[in-house]
PDB file of N, CA and C in Angstrom:
ATOM      1  N   MET A   1     -48.691 -38.283  16.773  1.00  0.00           N
ATOM      2  CA  MET A   1     -49.786 -37.489  17.311  1.00  0.00           C
ATOM      3  C   MET A   1     -49.219 -36.162  17.832  1.00  0.00           C
ATOM      4  N   THR A   2     -49.958 -35.106  17.633  1.00  0.00           N
ATOM      5  CA  THR A   2     -49.512 -33.783  18.068  1.00  0.00           C
ATOM      6  C   THR A   2     -49.692 -33.630  19.578  1.00  0.00           C
ATOM      7  N   GLU A   3     -49.018 -32.647  20.125  1.00  0.00           N
ATOM      8  CA  GLU A   3     -49.159 -32.345  21.554  1.00  0.00           C
ATOM      9  C   GLU A   3     -50.603 -31.998  21.896  1.00  0.00           C
ATOM     10  N   THR A   4     -51.236 -31.239  21.016  1.00  0.00           N
ATOM     11  CA  THR A   4     -52.638 -30.863  21.236  1.00  0.00           C
ATOM     12  C   THR A   4     -53.527 -32.102  21.259  1.00  0.00           C
ATOM     13  N   GLY A   5     -53.274 -33.018  20.360  1.00  0.00           N
ATOM     14  CA  GLY A   5     -54.053 -34.254  20.323  1.00  0.00           C
ATOM     15  C   GLY A   5     -53.878 -35.077  21.587  1.00  0.00           C
ATOM     16  N   ARG A   6     -52.638 -35.180  22.052  1.00  0.00           N
ATOM     17  CA  ARG A   6     -52.377 -35.910  23.308  1.00  0.00           C
ATOM     18  C   ARG A   6     -53.065 -35.216  24.477  1.00  0.00           C
ATOM     19  N   ASP A   7     -52.966 -33.913  24.504  1.00  0.00           N
ATOM     20  CA  ASP A   7     -53.620 -33.162  25.584  1.00  0.00           C
ATOM     21  C   ASP A   7     -55.116 -33.446  25.623  1.00  0.00           C
ATOM     22  N   GLN A   8     -55.732 -33.459  24.465  1.00  0.00           N
ATOM     23  CA  GLN A   8     -57.179 -33.685  24.428  1.00  0.00           C
ATOM     24  C   GLN A   8     -57.547 -35.085  24.910  1.00  0.00           C
ATOM     25  N   ILE A   9     -56.703 -36.059  24.638  1.00  0.00           N
ATOM     26  CA  ILE A   9     -56.938 -37.414  25.149  1.00  0.00           C
ATOM     27  C   ILE A   9     -56.862 -37.415  26.670  1.00  0.00           C
ATOM     28  N   TYR A  10     -55.856 -36.749  27.230  1.00  0.00           N
ATOM     29  CA  TYR A  10     -55.708 -36.709  28.691  1.00  0.00           C
ATOM     30  C   TYR A  10     -56.829 -35.911  29.350  1.00  0.00           C
ATOM     31  N   VAL A  11     -57.226 -34.820  28.732  1.00  0.00           N
ATOM     32  CA  VAL A  11     -58.343 -34.030  29.262  1.00  0.00           C
ATOM     33  C   VAL A  11     -59.613 -34.876  29.282  1.00  0.00           C
ATOM     34  N   ALA A  12     -59.887 -35.563  28.187  1.00  0.00           N
ATOM     35  CA  ALA A  12     -61.081 -36.410  28.124  1.00  0.00           C
ATOM     36  C   ALA A  12     -61.025 -37.514  29.176  1.00  0.00           C
ATOM     37  N   HIS A  13     -59.851 -38.081  29.367  1.00  0.00           N
ATOM     38  CA  HIS A  13     -59.695 -39.129  30.374  1.00  0.00           C
ATOM     39  C   HIS A  13     -59.935 -38.585  31.774  1.00  0.00           C
ATOM     40  N   MET A  14     -59.411 -37.410  32.054  1.00  0.00           N
ATOM     41  CA  MET A  14     -59.617 -36.796  33.370  1.00  0.00           C
ATOM     42  C   MET A  14     -61.095 -36.518  33.614  1.00  0.00           C
ATOM     43  N   LEU A  15     -61.775 -36.034  32.599  1.00  0.00           N
ATOM     44  CA  LEU A  15     -63.216 -35.786  32.735  1.00  0.00           C
ATOM     45  C   LEU A  15     -63.977 -37.085  32.988  1.00  0.00           C
ATOM     46  N   GLU A  16     -63.591 -38.136  32.305  1.00  0.00           N
ATOM     47  CA  GLU A  16     -64.223 -39.437  32.533  1.00  0.00           C
ATOM     48  C   GLU A  16     -63.998 -39.899  33.978  1.00  0.00           C
ATOM     49  N   CYS A  17     -62.802 -39.702  34.477  1.00  0.00           N
ATOM     50  CA  CYS A  17     -62.500 -40.080  35.866  1.00  0.00           C
ATOM     51  C   CYS A  17     -63.360 -39.293  36.849  1.00  0.00           C
ATOM     52  N   ILE A  18     -63.502 -38.013  36.620  1.00  0.00           N
ATOM     53  CA  ILE A  18     -64.325 -37.188  37.498  1.00  0.00           C
ATOM     54  C   ILE A  18     -65.769 -37.668  37.472  1.00  0.00           C
ATOM     55  N   GLN A  19     -66.271 -37.978  36.293  1.00  0.00           N
ATOM     56  CA  GLN A  19     -67.650 -38.470  36.193  1.00  0.00           C
ATOM     57  C   GLN A  19     -67.814 -39.786  36.950  1.00  0.00           C
ATOM     58  N   ARG A  20     -66.819 -40.643  36.899  1.00  0.00           N
ATOM     59  CA  ARG A  20     -66.890 -41.900  37.645  1.00  0.00           C
ATOM     60  C   ARG A  20     -66.929 -41.636  39.146  1.00  0.00           C
ATOM     61  N   VAL A  21     -66.073 -40.753  39.621  1.00  0.00           N
ATOM     62  CA  VAL A  21     -66.074 -40.424  41.052  1.00  0.00           C
ATOM     63  C   VAL A  21     -67.417 -39.839  41.454  1.00  0.00           C
ATOM     64  N   GLU A  22     -67.955 -38.948  40.645  1.00  0.00           N
ATOM     65  CA  GLU A  22     -69.267 -38.358  40.936  1.00  0.00           C
ATOM     66  C   GLU A  22     -70.333 -39.439  41.052  1.00  0.00           C
ATOM     67  N   ARG A  23     -70.309 -40.394  40.145  1.00  0.00           N
ATOM     68  CA  ARG A  23     -71.276 -41.504  40.192  1.00  0.00           C
ATOM     69  C   ARG A  23     -71.075 -42.353  41.443  1.00  0.00           C
ATOM     70  N   TYR A  24     -69.835 -42.609  41.781  1.00  0.00           N
ATOM     71  CA  TYR A  24     -69.543 -43.474  42.924  1.00  0.00           C
ATOM     72  C   TYR A  24     -70.012 -42.867  44.238  1.00  0.00           C
ATOM     73  N   VAL A  25     -69.696 -41.602  44.467  1.00  0.00           N
ATOM     74  CA  VAL A  25     -69.928 -41.043  45.808  1.00  0.00           C
ATOM     75  C   VAL A  25     -71.227 -40.278  45.948  1.00  0.00           C
ATOM     76  N   GLY A  26     -71.709 -39.670  44.885  1.00  0.00           N
ATOM     77  CA  GLY A  26     -72.903 -38.845  45.038  1.00  0.00           C
ATOM     78  C   GLY A  26     -72.673 -37.806  46.128  1.00  0.00           C
ATOM     79  N   THR A  27     -73.602 -37.722  47.048  1.00  0.00           N
ATOM     80  CA  THR A  27     -73.469 -36.766  48.157  1.00  0.00           C
ATOM     81  C   THR A  27     -73.552 -37.475  49.508  1.00  0.00           C
ATOM     82  N   ASP A  28     -73.366 -38.788  49.517  1.00  0.00           N
ATOM     83  CA  ASP A  28     -73.515 -39.572  50.738  1.00  0.00           C
ATOM     84  C   ASP A  28     -72.169 -39.733  51.454  1.00  0.00           C
ATOM     85  N   LYS A  29     -71.843 -38.773  52.276  1.00  0.00           N
ATOM     86  CA  LYS A  29     -70.565 -38.780  52.985  1.00  0.00           C
ATOM     87  C   LYS A  29     -70.449 -39.979  53.915  1.00  0.00           C
ATOM     88  N   ASP A  30     -71.507 -40.302  54.641  1.00  0.00           N
ATOM     89  CA  ASP A  30     -71.451 -41.427  55.579  1.00  0.00           C
ATOM     90  C   ASP A  30     -71.122 -42.730  54.868  1.00  0.00           C
ATOM     91  N   GLN A  31     -71.743 -42.942  53.718  1.00  0.00           N
ATOM     92  CA  GLN A  31     -71.448 -44.159  52.962  1.00  0.00           C
ATOM     93  C   GLN A  31     -69.987 -44.174  52.536  1.00  0.00           C
ATOM     94  N   PHE A  32     -69.487 -43.034  52.073  1.00  0.00           N
ATOM     95  CA  PHE A  32     -68.087 -42.968  51.659  1.00  0.00           C
ATOM     96  C   PHE A  32     -67.161 -43.274  52.838  1.00  0.00           C
ATOM     97  N   LEU A  33     -67.449 -42.702  54.001  1.00  0.00           N
ATOM     98  CA  LEU A  33     -66.564 -42.860  55.155  1.00  0.00           C
ATOM     99  C   LEU A  33     -66.598 -44.264  55.755  1.00  0.00           C
ATOM    100  N   THR A  34     -67.630 -45.034  55.463  1.00  0.00           N
ATOM    101  CA  THR A  34     -67.744 -46.362  56.068  1.00  0.00           C
ATOM    102  C   THR A  34     -67.541 -47.511  55.083  1.00  0.00           C
ATOM    103  N   ASN A  35     -67.523 -47.231  53.798  1.00  0.00           N
ATOM    104  CA  ASN A  35     -67.445 -48.288  52.791  1.00  0.00           C
ATOM    105  C   ASN A  35     -66.027 -48.332  52.204  1.00  0.00           C
ATOM    106  N   THR A  36     -65.230 -49.297  52.653  1.00  0.00           N
ATOM    107  CA  THR A  36     -63.843 -49.354  52.194  1.00  0.00           C
ATOM    108  C   THR A  36     -63.726 -49.675  50.701  1.00  0.00           C
ATOM    109  N   LEU A  37     -64.664 -50.429  50.171  1.00  0.00           N
ATOM    110  CA  LEU A  37     -64.643 -50.713  48.738  1.00  0.00           C
ATOM    111  C   LEU A  37     -64.832 -49.425  47.937  1.00  0.00           C
ATOM    112  N   LEU A  38     -65.753 -48.602  48.384  1.00  0.00           N
ATOM    113  CA  LEU A  38     -65.999 -47.314  47.743  1.00  0.00           C
ATOM    114  C   LEU A  38     -64.779 -46.407  47.878  1.00  0.00           C
ATOM    115  N   GLN A  39     -64.188 -46.375  49.048  1.00  0.00           N
ATOM    116  CA  GLN A  39     -62.986 -45.565  49.272  1.00  0.00           C
ATOM    117  C   GLN A  39     -61.869 -45.987  48.325  1.00  0.00           C
ATOM    118  N   ASP A  40     -61.649 -47.298  48.239  1.00  0.00           N
ATOM    119  CA  ASP A  40     -60.593 -47.804  47.364  1.00  0.00           C
ATOM    120  C   ASP A  40     -60.847 -47.424  45.905  1.00  0.00           C
ATOM    121  N   ALA A  41     -62.093 -47.553  45.467  1.00  0.00           N
ATOM    122  CA  ALA A  41     -62.431 -47.216  44.082  1.00  0.00           C
ATOM    123  C   ALA A  41     -62.192 -45.734  43.810  1.00  0.00           C
ATOM    124  N   VAL A  42     -62.663 -44.885  44.704  1.00  0.00           N
ATOM    125  CA  VAL A  42     -62.513 -43.443  44.516  1.00  0.00           C
ATOM    126  C   VAL A  42     -61.041 -43.052  44.510  1.00  0.00           C
ATOM    127  N   MET A  43     -60.275 -43.575  45.457  1.00  0.00           N
ATOM    128  CA  MET A  43     -58.864 -43.208  45.522  1.00  0.00           C
ATOM    129  C   MET A  43     -58.103 -43.696  44.298  1.00  0.00           C
ATOM    130  N   ARG A  44     -58.445 -44.860  43.788  1.00  0.00           N
ATOM    131  CA  ARG A  44     -57.774 -45.362  42.588  1.00  0.00           C
ATOM    132  C   ARG A  44     -58.099 -44.491  41.382  1.00  0.00           C
ATOM    133  N   VAL A  45     -59.346 -44.119  41.223  1.00  0.00           N
ATOM    134  CA  VAL A  45     -59.730 -43.272  40.091  1.00  0.00           C
ATOM    135  C   VAL A  45     -59.064 -41.900  40.209  1.00  0.00           C
ATOM    136  N   LEU A  46     -59.002 -41.359  41.415  1.00  0.00           N
ATOM    137  CA  LEU A  46     -58.326 -40.065  41.611  1.00  0.00           C
ATOM    138  C   LEU A  46     -56.842 -40.174  41.273  1.00  0.00           C
ATOM    139  N   GLN A  47     -56.231 -41.272  41.635  1.00  0.00           N
ATOM    140  CA  GLN A  47     -54.822 -41.486  41.320  1.00  0.00           C
ATOM    141  C   GLN A  47     -54.603 -41.521  39.809  1.00  0.00           C
ATOM    142  N   VAL A  48     -55.410 -42.278  39.109  1.00  0.00           N
ATOM    143  CA  VAL A  48     -55.285 -42.394  37.657  1.00  0.00           C
ATOM    144  C   VAL A  48     -55.549 -41.047  36.996  1.00  0.00           C
ATOM    145  N   MET A  49     -56.549 -40.323  37.498  1.00  0.00           N
ATOM    146  CA  MET A  49     -56.859 -39.003  36.951  1.00  0.00           C
ATOM    147  C   MET A  49     -55.668 -38.066  37.122  1.00  0.00           C
ATOM    148  N   ALA A  50     -55.066 -38.076  38.298  1.00  0.00           N
ATOM    149  CA  ALA A  50     -53.930 -37.194  38.563  1.00  0.00           C
ATOM    150  C   ALA A  50     -52.735 -37.548  37.683  1.00  0.00           C
ATOM    151  N   GLU A  51     -52.562 -38.830  37.397  1.00  0.00           N
ATOM    152  CA  GLU A  51     -51.480 -39.238  36.504  1.00  0.00           C
ATOM    153  C   GLU A  51     -51.686 -38.651  35.104  1.00  0.00           C
ATOM    154  N   SER A  52     -52.920 -38.639  34.640  1.00  0.00           N
ATOM    155  CA  SER A  52     -53.201 -38.009  33.347  1.00  0.00           C
ATOM    156  C   SER A  52     -52.905 -36.519  33.409  1.00  0.00           C
ATOM    157  N   GLY A  53     -53.208 -35.891  34.534  1.00  0.00           N
ATOM    158  CA  GLY A  53     -52.920 -34.472  34.704  1.00  0.00           C
ATOM    159  C   GLY A  53     -51.442 -34.165  34.611  1.00  0.00           C
ATOM    160  N   GLN A  54     -50.625 -35.088  35.090  1.00  0.00           N
ATOM    161  CA  GLN A  54     -49.177 -34.884  35.010  1.00  0.00           C
ATOM    162  C   GLN A  54     -48.675 -34.957  33.569  1.00  0.00           C
ATOM    163  N   ARG A  55     -49.423 -35.593  32.710  1.00  0.00           N
ATOM    164  CA  ARG A  55     -49.016 -35.762  31.319  1.00  0.00           C
ATOM    165  C   ARG A  55     -49.478 -34.622  30.411  1.00  0.00           C
ATOM    166  N   LEU A  56     -50.310 -33.729  30.944  1.00  0.00           N
ATOM    167  CA  LEU A  56     -50.739 -32.571  30.153  1.00  0.00           C
ATOM    168  C   LEU A  56     -49.556 -31.652  29.882  1.00  0.00           C
ATOM    169  N   SER A  57     -49.559 -31.033  28.731  1.00  0.00           N
ATOM    170  CA  SER A  57     -48.478 -30.108  28.391  1.00  0.00           C
ATOM    171  C   SER A  57     -48.583 -28.834  29.229  1.00  0.00           C
ATOM    172  N   SER A  58     -47.470 -28.166  29.359  1.00  0.00           N
ATOM    173  CA  SER A  58     -47.449 -26.877  30.062  1.00  0.00           C
ATOM    174  C   SER A  58     -48.330 -25.864  29.363  1.00  0.00           C
ATOM    175  N   ASP A  59     -48.377 -25.944  28.044  1.00  0.00           N
ATOM    176  CA  ASP A  59     -49.184 -24.998  27.275  1.00  0.00           C
ATOM    177  C   ASP A  59     -50.656 -25.088  27.647  1.00  0.00           C
ATOM    178  N   ILE A  60     -51.196 -26.292  27.700  1.00  0.00           N
ATOM    179  CA  ILE A  60     -52.628 -26.409  27.994  1.00  0.00           C
ATOM    180  C   ILE A  60     -52.894 -26.106  29.473  1.00  0.00           C
ATOM    181  N   LYS A  61     -51.973 -26.495  30.342  1.00  0.00           N
ATOM    182  CA  LYS A  61     -52.157 -26.177  31.764  1.00  0.00           C
ATOM    183  C   LYS A  61     -52.192 -24.668  31.981  1.00  0.00           C
ATOM    184  N   SER A  62     -51.400 -23.951  31.218  1.00  0.00           N
ATOM    185  CA  SER A  62     -51.333 -22.495  31.401  1.00  0.00           C
ATOM    186  C   SER A  62     -52.637 -21.805  31.012  1.00  0.00           C
ATOM    187  N   THR A  63     -53.510 -22.491  30.268  1.00  0.00           N
ATOM    188  CA  THR A  63     -54.798 -21.887  29.922  1.00  0.00           C
ATOM    189  C   THR A  63     -55.753 -21.871  31.114  1.00  0.00           C
ATOM    190  N   GLN A  64     -55.431 -22.663  32.134  1.00  0.00           N
ATOM    191  CA  GLN A  64     -56.261 -22.750  33.340  1.00  0.00           C
ATOM    192  C   GLN A  64     -55.361 -22.606  34.552  1.00  0.00           C
ATOM    193  N   ASN A  65     -54.750 -21.439  34.675  1.00  0.00           N
ATOM    194  CA  ASN A  65     -53.758 -21.251  35.734  1.00  0.00           C
ATOM    195  C   ASN A  65     -54.358 -21.105  37.131  1.00  0.00           C
ATOM    196  N   GLN A  66     -55.691 -21.116  37.256  1.00  0.00           N
ATOM    197  CA  GLN A  66     -56.307 -21.112  38.575  1.00  0.00           C
ATOM    198  C   GLN A  66     -56.243 -22.504  39.210  1.00  0.00           C
ATOM    199  N   ILE A  67     -55.895 -23.508  38.410  1.00  0.00           N
ATOM    200  CA  ILE A  67     -55.760 -24.866  38.918  1.00  0.00           C
ATOM    201  C   ILE A  67     -54.329 -25.063  39.411  1.00  0.00           C
ATOM    202  N   ASP A  68     -54.198 -25.600  40.603  1.00  0.00           N
ATOM    203  CA  ASP A  68     -52.878 -25.879  41.171  1.00  0.00           C
ATOM    204  C   ASP A  68     -52.437 -27.264  40.695  1.00  0.00           C
ATOM    205  N   TRP A  69     -51.815 -27.297  39.524  1.00  0.00           N
ATOM    206  CA  TRP A  69     -51.420 -28.558  38.911  1.00  0.00           C
ATOM    207  C   TRP A  69     -50.398 -29.296  39.758  1.00  0.00           C
ATOM    208  N   ARG A  70     -49.533 -28.564  40.434  1.00  0.00           N
ATOM    209  CA  ARG A  70     -48.551 -29.213  41.319  1.00  0.00           C
ATOM    210  C   ARG A  70     -49.237 -29.909  42.490  1.00  0.00           C
ATOM    211  N   ALA A  71     -50.279 -29.292  42.998  1.00  0.00           N
ATOM    212  CA  ALA A  71     -51.017 -29.895  44.107  1.00  0.00           C
ATOM    213  C   ALA A  71     -51.689 -31.193  43.671  1.00  0.00           C
ATOM    214  N   ILE A  72     -52.172 -31.228  42.438  1.00  0.00           N
ATOM    215  CA  ILE A  72     -52.795 -32.451  41.922  1.00  0.00           C
ATOM    216  C   ILE A  72     -51.746 -33.562  41.850  1.00  0.00           C
ATOM    217  N   ALA A  73     -50.562 -33.234  41.379  1.00  0.00           N
ATOM    218  CA  ALA A  73     -49.485 -34.225  41.322  1.00  0.00           C
ATOM    219  C   ALA A  73     -49.099 -34.668  42.730  1.00  0.00           C
ATOM    220  N   GLY A  74     -49.035 -33.729  43.650  1.00  0.00           N
ATOM    221  CA  GLY A  74     -48.706 -34.067  45.029  1.00  0.00           C
ATOM    222  C   GLY A  74     -49.761 -34.947  45.672  1.00  0.00           C
ATOM    223  N   PHE A  75     -51.014 -34.662  45.361  1.00  0.00           N
ATOM    224  CA  PHE A  75     -52.128 -35.462  45.873  1.00  0.00           C
ATOM    225  C   PHE A  75     -52.007 -36.896  45.364  1.00  0.00           C
ATOM    226  N   ARG A  76     -51.661 -37.042  44.110  1.00  0.00           N
ATOM    227  CA  ARG A  76     -51.463 -38.368  43.527  1.00  0.00           C
ATOM    228  C   ARG A  76     -50.357 -39.109  44.271  1.00  0.00           C
ATOM    229  N   ASN A  77     -49.268 -38.416  44.568  1.00  0.00           N
ATOM    230  CA  ASN A  77     -48.159 -39.055  45.271  1.00  0.00           C
ATOM    231  C   ASN A  77     -48.570 -39.512  46.667  1.00  0.00           C
ATOM    232  N   ILE A  78     -49.396 -38.736  47.332  1.00  0.00           N
ATOM    233  CA  ILE A  78     -49.898 -39.141  48.650  1.00  0.00           C
ATOM    234  C   ILE A  78     -50.746 -40.404  48.515  1.00  0.00           C
ATOM    235  N   LEU A  79     -51.635 -40.416  47.534  1.00  0.00           N
ATOM    236  CA  LEU A  79     -52.490 -41.590  47.339  1.00  0.00           C
ATOM    237  C   LEU A  79     -51.672 -42.840  47.050  1.00  0.00           C
ATOM    238  N   VAL A  80     -50.610 -42.687  46.281  1.00  0.00           N
ATOM    239  CA  VAL A  80     -49.807 -43.836  45.881  1.00  0.00           C
ATOM    240  C   VAL A  80     -48.858 -44.284  46.990  1.00  0.00           C
ATOM    241  N   HIS A  81     -48.245 -43.338  47.682  1.00  0.00           N
ATOM    242  CA  HIS A  81     -47.144 -43.679  48.571  1.00  0.00           C
ATOM    243  C   HIS A  81     -47.451 -43.608  50.062  1.00  0.00           C
ATOM    244  N   ASP A  82     -48.558 -43.023  50.441  1.00  0.00           N
ATOM    245  CA  ASP A  82     -48.804 -42.822  51.870  1.00  0.00           C
ATOM    246  C   ASP A  82     -49.919 -43.704  52.416  1.00  0.00           C
ATOM    247  N   TYR A  83     -50.199 -44.792  51.720  1.00  0.00           N
ATOM    248  CA  TYR A  83     -51.296 -45.644  52.157  1.00  0.00           C
ATOM    249  C   TYR A  83     -51.047 -46.258  53.526  1.00  0.00           C
ATOM    250  N   LEU A  84     -49.800 -46.534  53.886  1.00  0.00           N
ATOM    251  CA  LEU A  84     -49.522 -47.109  55.203  1.00  0.00           C
ATOM    252  C   LEU A  84     -49.620 -46.061  56.307  1.00  0.00           C
ATOM    253  N   GLY A  85     -49.408 -44.802  55.944  1.00  0.00           N
ATOM    254  CA  GLY A  85     -49.517 -43.726  56.922  1.00  0.00           C
ATOM    255  C   GLY A  85     -50.958 -43.353  57.199  1.00  0.00           C
ATOM    256  N   GLY A  86     -51.842 -43.922  56.449  1.00  0.00           N
ATOM    257  CA  GLY A  86     -53.257 -43.619  56.634  1.00  0.00           C
ATOM    258  C   GLY A  86     -53.678 -42.443  55.773  1.00  0.00           C
ATOM    259  N   ILE A  87     -54.633 -42.678  54.946  1.00  0.00           N
ATOM    260  CA  ILE A  87     -55.180 -41.633  54.090  1.00  0.00           C
ATOM    261  C   ILE A  87     -56.268 -40.915  54.877  1.00  0.00           C
ATOM    262  N   ASP A  88     -56.272 -39.608  54.794  1.00  0.00           N
ATOM    263  CA  ASP A  88     -57.285 -38.795  55.474  1.00  0.00           C
ATOM    264  C   ASP A  88     -58.554 -38.791  54.630  1.00  0.00           C
ATOM    265  N   LEU A  89     -59.517 -39.598  55.040  1.00  0.00           N
ATOM    266  CA  LEU A  89     -60.757 -39.718  54.269  1.00  0.00           C
ATOM    267  C   LEU A  89     -61.548 -38.421  54.237  1.00  0.00           C
ATOM    268  N   GLU A  90     -61.466 -37.635  55.283  1.00  0.00           N
ATOM    269  CA  GLU A  90     -62.136 -36.327  55.288  1.00  0.00           C
ATOM    270  C   GLU A  90     -61.547 -35.438  54.194  1.00  0.00           C
ATOM    271  N   LEU A  91     -60.238 -35.483  54.047  1.00  0.00           N
ATOM    272  CA  LEU A  91     -59.579 -34.699  52.995  1.00  0.00           C
ATOM    273  C   LEU A  91     -59.999 -35.183  51.612  1.00  0.00           C
ATOM    274  N   ILE A  92     -60.083 -36.487  51.448  1.00  0.00           N
ATOM    275  CA  ILE A  92     -60.541 -37.038  50.163  1.00  0.00           C
ATOM    276  C   ILE A  92     -61.958 -36.546  49.881  1.00  0.00           C
ATOM    277  N   TRP A  93     -62.825 -36.586  50.900  1.00  0.00           N
ATOM    278  CA  TRP A  93     -64.212 -36.147  50.723  1.00  0.00           C
ATOM    279  C   TRP A  93     -64.272 -34.674  50.310  1.00  0.00           C
ATOM    280  N   VAL A  94     -63.515 -33.837  50.997  1.00  0.00           N
ATOM    281  CA  VAL A  94     -63.502 -32.407  50.670  1.00  0.00           C
ATOM    282  C   VAL A  94     -62.984 -32.207  49.244  1.00  0.00           C
ATOM    283  N   THR A  95     -61.963 -32.939  48.884  1.00  0.00           N
ATOM    284  CA  THR A  95     -61.415 -32.844  47.534  1.00  0.00           C
ATOM    285  C   THR A  95     -62.476 -33.191  46.492  1.00  0.00           C
ATOM    286  N   VAL A  96     -63.196 -34.274  46.728  1.00  0.00           N
ATOM    287  CA  VAL A  96     -64.225 -34.717  45.791  1.00  0.00           C
ATOM    288  C   VAL A  96     -65.357 -33.696  45.697  1.00  0.00           C
ATOM    289  N   GLN A  97     -65.783 -33.163  46.831  1.00  0.00           N
ATOM    290  CA  GLN A  97     -66.937 -32.267  46.846  1.00  0.00           C
ATOM    291  C   GLN A  97     -66.608 -30.834  46.438  1.00  0.00           C
ATOM    292  N   GLN A  98     -65.409 -30.362  46.740  1.00  0.00           N
ATOM    293  CA  GLN A  98     -65.080 -28.957  46.487  1.00  0.00           C
ATOM    294  C   GLN A  98     -64.108 -28.756  45.329  1.00  0.00           C
ATOM    295  N   ASP A  99     -63.080 -29.573  45.263  1.00  0.00           N
ATOM    296  CA  ASP A  99     -62.032 -29.346  44.266  1.00  0.00           C
ATOM    297  C   ASP A  99     -62.340 -29.961  42.902  1.00  0.00           C
ATOM    298  N   LEU A 100     -62.960 -31.135  42.898  1.00  0.00           N
ATOM    299  CA  LEU A 100     -63.249 -31.763  41.609  1.00  0.00           C
ATOM    300  C   LEU A 100     -64.189 -30.943  40.734  1.00  0.00           C
ATOM    301  N   PRO A 101     -65.232 -30.308  41.286  1.00  0.00           N
ATOM    302  CA  PRO A 101     -66.081 -29.481  40.413  1.00  0.00           C
ATOM    303  C   PRO A 101     -65.309 -28.330  39.752  1.00  0.00           C
ATOM    304  N   VAL A 102     -64.375 -27.735  40.466  1.00  0.00           N
ATOM    305  CA  VAL A 102     -63.564 -26.651  39.906  1.00  0.00           C
ATOM    306  C   VAL A 102     -62.671 -27.202  38.799  1.00  0.00           C
ATOM    307  N   LEU A 103     -62.045 -28.344  39.063  1.00  0.00           N
ATOM    308  CA  LEU A 103     -61.200 -28.974  38.051  1.00  0.00           C
ATOM    309  C   LEU A 103     -62.029 -29.385  36.840  1.00  0.00           C
ATOM    310  N   LYS A 104     -63.210 -29.911  37.082  1.00  0.00           N
ATOM    311  CA  LYS A 104     -64.086 -30.330  35.981  1.00  0.00           C
ATOM    312  C   LYS A 104     -64.409 -29.144  35.070  1.00  0.00           C
ATOM    313  N   ASN A 105     -64.740 -28.010  35.654  1.00  0.00           N
ATOM    314  CA  ASN A 105     -65.034 -26.819  34.846  1.00  0.00           C
ATOM    315  C   ASN A 105     -63.830 -26.389  34.020  1.00  0.00           C
ATOM    316  N   ALA A 106     -62.657 -26.447  34.630  1.00  0.00           N
ATOM    317  CA  ALA A 106     -61.440 -26.073  33.905  1.00  0.00           C
ATOM    318  C   ALA A 106     -61.189 -27.043  32.750  1.00  0.00           C
ATOM    319  N   LEU A 107     -61.368 -28.326  33.005  1.00  0.00           N
ATOM    320  CA  LEU A 107     -61.152 -29.330  31.963  1.00  0.00           C
ATOM    321  C   LEU A 107     -62.155 -29.169  30.827  1.00  0.00           C
ATOM    322  N   LEU A 108     -63.389 -28.834  31.174  1.00  0.00           N
ATOM    323  CA  LEU A 108     -64.391 -28.613  30.122  1.00  0.00           C
ATOM    324  C   LEU A 108     -63.977 -27.447  29.225  1.00  0.00           C
ATOM    325  N   LYS A 109     -63.426 -26.394  29.825  1.00  0.00           N
ATOM    326  CA  LYS A 109     -62.932 -25.269  29.025  1.00  0.00           C
ATOM    327  C   LYS A 109     -61.746 -25.696  28.152  1.00  0.00           C
ATOM    328  N   MET A 110     -60.895 -26.560  28.696  1.00  0.00           N
ATOM    329  CA  MET A 110     -59.733 -27.031  27.944  1.00  0.00           C
ATOM    330  C   MET A 110     -60.140 -27.924  26.785  1.00  0.00           C
ATOM    331  N   SER A 111     -61.274 -28.561  26.894  1.00  0.00           N
ATOM    332  CA  SER A 111     -61.705 -29.487  25.844  1.00  0.00           C
ATOM    333  C   SER A 111     -62.499 -28.798  24.745  1.00  0.00           C
ATOM    334  N   ALA A 112     -62.840 -27.547  24.973  1.00  0.00           N
ATOM    335  CA  ALA A 112     -63.673 -26.827  23.992  1.00  0.00           C
ATOM    336  C   ALA A 112     -62.855 -26.363  22.803  1.00  0.00           C
TER     337      ALA A 112
END
């Protein structure tokens, strides 16, 4: 499989993850902050999405240089390794509401 083909698989997967998070949380912050099952689901999907982002080629990432790809990888590492230190649910909420729509738009452009 070509690099472009692999990239498109990862882009599609990331978009699917974003759509799942959107379905899970909607706009109900209180439900997100009080429902641990929902929190766990969202954080797991974000982790998997970020892992796909790490697998994107430099070439395709460079087409959307407004996205902080390193920050996405760092966010994934926090989700995976900092669970005992306590995850900041407010930060997760802000990420879902503000950062995911920007990433989604970039991914849609990458998939075109």
